[in-house]
Amino acid sequence: MKGFVQASFSGLLPSGQAANLAAIPRHFYTNQWDVPNSALAARPAVGGPSVAQPVSPNDRVMEGFGSNNWPGPFMAVDAQINGAKGRIMNLRPPTRLETITILANTAVREDSQGAADELLQSIRVVSHQT
């Protein structure tokens, strides 16, 4: 979530390219991010009529990423995003130190690009979620 917020402040994507949308002022996150909003409440439910009707910007974005009510968005990326997001939302670390240790030991033992990429990907997912 941190990467999303930082990109919204600056108007720059993580790649360095300018976003197609205007930057969002920092005060928005302080004053409006978690506040119920009647305009959002009037919008269609996220994911269809039988799922959640989020009324704050935070809840709407989180529901858009997927939830127990609407798991569809997570189906293709479950191992990389859904698991980490769920752990963070439950105030637990997004990945276990043991997992990183196992991946690091495997990368050293195998000395392969694939093993190194797997280790780095586990860290990248964590850095985007914290």
C-alpha atoms as a PDB file:
ATOM      1  CA  MET A   1       0.000   0.000   0.000  1.00  0.00           C
ATOM      2  CA  LYS A   2       2.926   2.341   0.701  1.00  0.00           C
ATOM      3  CA  GLY A   3       3.956   2.351  -2.974  1.00  0.00           C
ATOM      4  CA  PHE A   4       0.401   3.195  -4.022  1.00  0.00           C
ATOM      5  CA  VAL A   5       0.237   6.118  -1.600  1.00  0.00           C
ATOM      6  CA  GLN A   6       3.689   7.434  -2.530  1.00  0.00           C
ATOM      7  CA  ALA A   7       2.851   7.268  -6.226  1.00  0.00           C
ATOM      8  CA  SER A   8      -0.400   9.120  -5.604  1.00  0.00           C
ATOM      9  CA  PHE A   9       1.427  11.932  -3.733  1.00  0.00           C
ATOM     10  CA  SER A  10       3.955  12.473  -6.475  1.00  0.00           C
ATOM     11  CA  GLY A  11       1.949  11.625  -9.581  1.00  0.00           C
ATOM     12  CA  LEU A  12       4.836   9.355 -10.637  1.00  0.00           C
ATOM     13  CA  LEU A  13       4.598   5.617 -11.139  1.00  0.00           C
ATOM     14  CA  PRO A  14       7.261   3.339  -9.626  1.00  0.00           C
ATOM     15  CA  SER A  15       8.813   3.153 -13.115  1.00  0.00           C
ATOM     16  CA  GLY A  16       9.405   6.929 -13.000  1.00  0.00           C
ATOM     17  CA  GLN A  17       6.792   7.644 -15.664  1.00  0.00           C
ATOM     18  CA  ALA A  18       4.157  10.274 -14.993  1.00  0.00           C
ATOM     19  CA  ALA A  19       0.744   8.844 -14.128  1.00  0.00           C
ATOM     20  CA  ASN A  20      -2.219   9.649 -16.352  1.00  0.00           C
ATOM     21  CA  LEU A  21      -3.999  11.014 -13.275  1.00  0.00           C
ATOM     22  CA  ALA A  22      -3.245  14.103 -11.238  1.00  0.00           C
ATOM     23  CA  ALA A  23      -1.351  13.697  -7.965  1.00  0.00           C
ATOM     24  CA  ILE A  24      -3.490  13.391  -4.829  1.00  0.00           C
ATOM     25  CA  PRO A  25      -2.615  15.908  -2.096  1.00  0.00           C
ATOM     26  CA  ARG A  26      -1.210  14.442   1.129  1.00  0.00           C
ATOM     27  CA  HIS A  27      -3.956  16.049   3.215  1.00  0.00           C
ATOM     28  CA  PHE A  28      -6.488  13.838   1.412  1.00  0.00           C
ATOM     29  CA  TYR A  29      -5.113  10.804   3.267  1.00  0.00           C
ATOM     30  CA  THR A  30      -5.269  12.623   6.600  1.00  0.00           C
ATOM     31  CA  ASN A  31      -8.689  14.229   6.177  1.00  0.00           C
ATOM     32  CA  GLN A  32     -10.671  11.998   3.802  1.00  0.00           C
ATOM     33  CA  TRP A  33      -9.095   8.548   3.290  1.00  0.00           C
ATOM     34  CA  ASP A  34     -10.982   6.779   6.106  1.00  0.00           C
ATOM     35  CA  VAL A  35     -14.021   9.057   6.253  1.00  0.00           C
ATOM     36  CA  PRO A  36     -17.418   7.843   4.978  1.00  0.00           C
ATOM     37  CA  ASN A  37     -18.354   9.654   1.788  1.00  0.00           C
ATOM     38  CA  SER A  38     -21.931   9.962   0.526  1.00  0.00           C
ATOM     39  CA  ALA A  39     -20.784  10.190  -3.112  1.00  0.00           C
ATOM     40  CA  LEU A  40     -18.989   6.829  -2.787  1.00  0.00           C
ATOM     41  CA  ALA A  41     -21.954   5.335  -0.974  1.00  0.00           C
ATOM     42  CA  ALA A  42     -24.090   6.193  -4.014  1.00  0.00           C
ATOM     43  CA  ARG A  43     -21.705   4.386  -6.395  1.00  0.00           C
ATOM     44  CA  PRO A  44     -22.302   0.770  -7.434  1.00  0.00           C
ATOM     45  CA  ALA A  45     -20.987  -1.943  -5.128  1.00  0.00           C
ATOM     46  CA  VAL A  46     -17.465  -3.146  -5.894  1.00  0.00           C
ATOM     47  CA  GLY A  47     -17.604  -6.447  -7.745  1.00  0.00           C
ATOM     48  CA  GLY A  48     -21.350  -6.550  -8.288  1.00  0.00           C
ATOM     49  CA  PRO A  49     -24.649  -5.916  -6.517  1.00  0.00           C
ATOM     50  CA  SER A  50     -24.328  -8.713  -3.926  1.00  0.00           C
ATOM     51  CA  VAL A  51     -20.935  -7.698  -2.492  1.00  0.00           C
ATOM     52  CA  ALA A  52     -19.620  -4.894  -0.293  1.00  0.00           C
ATOM     53  CA  GLN A  53     -20.752  -1.298  -0.664  1.00  0.00           C
ATOM     54  CA  PRO A  54     -17.678   0.600   0.609  1.00  0.00           C
ATOM     55  CA  VAL A  55     -18.325   4.170   1.705  1.00  0.00           C
ATOM     56  CA  SER A  56     -14.791   5.436   2.383  1.00  0.00           C
ATOM     57  CA  PRO A  57     -11.972   5.763  -0.161  1.00  0.00           C
ATOM     58  CA  ASN A  58      -9.839   3.324   1.865  1.00  0.00           C
ATOM     59  CA  ASP A  59     -12.543   0.684   1.994  1.00  0.00           C
ATOM     60  CA  ARG A  60     -13.319   1.087  -1.699  1.00  0.00           C
ATOM     61  CA  VAL A  61      -9.668   0.686  -2.743  1.00  0.00           C
ATOM     62  CA  MET A  62      -9.182  -2.307  -0.433  1.00  0.00           C
ATOM     63  CA  GLU A  63     -12.341  -3.971  -1.728  1.00  0.00           C
ATOM     64  CA  GLY A  64     -11.170  -3.284  -5.280  1.00  0.00           C
ATOM     65  CA  PHE A  65      -8.016  -5.295  -4.540  1.00  0.00           C
ATOM     66  CA  GLY A  66     -10.278  -8.131  -3.441  1.00  0.00           C
ATOM     67  CA  SER A  67     -11.631  -9.452  -0.163  1.00  0.00           C
ATOM     68  CA  ASN A  68     -13.478 -12.327   1.431  1.00  0.00           C
ATOM     69  CA  ASN A  69     -16.619 -10.808  -0.108  1.00  0.00           C
ATOM     70  CA  TRP A  70     -15.090 -10.568  -3.573  1.00  0.00           C
ATOM     71  CA  PRO A  71     -12.026 -12.805  -3.986  1.00  0.00           C
ATOM     72  CA  GLY A  72     -11.970 -12.622  -7.792  1.00  0.00           C
ATOM     73  CA  PRO A  73      -9.146 -10.086  -8.168  1.00  0.00           C
ATOM     74  CA  PHE A  74      -6.836 -12.246  -6.076  1.00  0.00           C
ATOM     75  CA  MET A  75      -7.239 -15.444  -8.018  1.00  0.00           C
ATOM     76  CA  ALA A  76      -4.374 -14.777 -10.442  1.00  0.00           C
ATOM     77  CA  VAL A  77      -1.989 -13.301  -7.864  1.00  0.00           C
ATOM     78  CA  ASP A  78      -2.868 -15.079  -4.637  1.00  0.00           C
ATOM     79  CA  ALA A  79       0.633 -16.190  -3.693  1.00  0.00           C
ATOM     80  CA  GLN A  80       2.191 -12.784  -4.362  1.00  0.00           C
ATOM     81  CA  ILE A  81      -0.343 -10.267  -3.113  1.00  0.00           C
ATOM     82  CA  ASN A  82      -3.375 -11.746  -1.393  1.00  0.00           C
ATOM     83  CA  GLY A  83      -1.440 -13.660   1.239  1.00  0.00           C
ATOM     84  CA  ALA A  84       0.748 -10.684   2.137  1.00  0.00           C
ATOM     85  CA  LYS A  85      -2.217  -8.280   2.213  1.00  0.00           C
ATOM     86  CA  GLY A  86      -4.206 -10.582   4.456  1.00  0.00           C
ATOM     87  CA  ARG A  87      -1.348 -10.921   6.913  1.00  0.00           C
ATOM     88  CA  ILE A  88      -0.815  -7.149   6.999  1.00  0.00           C
ATOM     89  CA  MET A  89      -4.514  -6.455   7.521  1.00  0.00           C
ATOM     90  CA  ASN A  90      -4.399  -8.860  10.475  1.00  0.00           C
ATOM     91  CA  LEU A  91      -1.396  -6.906  11.850  1.00  0.00           C
ATOM     92  CA  ARG A  92       1.030  -9.751  11.220  1.00  0.00           C
ATOM     93  CA  PRO A  93       4.304  -9.612   9.266  1.00  0.00           C
ATOM     94  CA  PRO A  94       3.681  -9.989   5.508  1.00  0.00           C
ATOM     95  CA  THR A  95       6.250 -12.769   5.239  1.00  0.00           C
ATOM     96  CA  ARG A  96       8.019 -15.026   7.666  1.00  0.00           C
ATOM     97  CA  LEU A  97      11.733 -14.612   8.351  1.00  0.00           C
ATOM     98  CA  GLU A  98      12.003 -18.382   7.978  1.00  0.00           C
ATOM     99  CA  THR A  99      10.696 -18.119   4.413  1.00  0.00           C
ATOM    100  CA  ILE A 100      13.333 -15.550   3.506  1.00  0.00           C
ATOM    101  CA  THR A 101      16.037 -17.685   5.172  1.00  0.00           C
ATOM    102  CA  ILE A 102      14.977 -20.785   3.222  1.00  0.00           C
ATOM    103  CA  LEU A 103      14.907 -18.860  -0.071  1.00  0.00           C
ATOM    104  CA  ALA A 104      18.302 -17.268   0.658  1.00  0.00           C
ATOM    105  CA  ASN A 105      19.868 -20.627   1.487  1.00  0.00           C
ATOM    106  CA  THR A 106      18.397 -22.128  -1.680  1.00  0.00           C
ATOM    107  CA  ALA A 107      19.732 -19.228  -3.773  1.00  0.00           C
ATOM    108  CA  VAL A 108      23.235 -19.703  -2.358  1.00  0.00           C
ATOM    109  CA  ARG A 109      23.121 -23.487  -2.731  1.00  0.00           C
ATOM    110  CA  GLU A 110      21.739 -23.490  -6.285  1.00  0.00           C
ATOM    111  CA  ASP A 111      23.629 -20.402  -7.465  1.00  0.00           C
ATOM    112  CA  SER A 112      20.986 -19.890 -10.146  1.00  0.00           C
ATOM    113  CA  GLN A 113      19.161 -16.875 -11.512  1.00  0.00           C
ATOM    114  CA  GLY A 114      15.806 -18.534 -10.861  1.00  0.00           C
ATOM    115  CA  ALA A 115      16.532 -19.095  -7.168  1.00  0.00           C
ATOM    116  CA  ALA A 116      17.858 -15.537  -6.800  1.00  0.00           C
ATOM    117  CA  ASP A 117      14.767 -14.151  -8.534  1.00  0.00           C
ATOM    118  CA  GLU A 118      12.480 -16.122  -6.201  1.00  0.00           C
ATOM    119  CA  LEU A 119      14.264 -14.682  -3.147  1.00  0.00           C
ATOM    120  CA  LEU A 120      14.150 -11.137  -4.499  1.00  0.00           C
ATOM    121  CA  GLN A 121      10.493 -11.456  -5.470  1.00  0.00           C
ATOM    122  CA  SER A 122       9.562 -12.413  -1.909  1.00  0.00           C
ATOM    123  CA  ILE A 123      11.250  -9.239  -0.681  1.00  0.00           C
ATOM    124  CA  ARG A 124       9.734  -7.068  -3.419  1.00  0.00           C
ATOM    125  CA  VAL A 125       6.211  -8.189  -2.511  1.00  0.00           C
ATOM    126  CA  VAL A 126       6.886  -7.277   1.106  1.00  0.00           C
ATOM    127  CA  SER A 127       8.297  -3.853   0.220  1.00  0.00           C
ATOM    128  CA  HIS A 128       5.208  -2.987  -1.833  1.00  0.00           C
ATOM    129  CA  GLN A 129       2.899  -3.988   1.002  1.00  0.00           C
ATOM    130  CA  THR A 130       4.534  -2.182   3.913  1.00  0.00           C
END
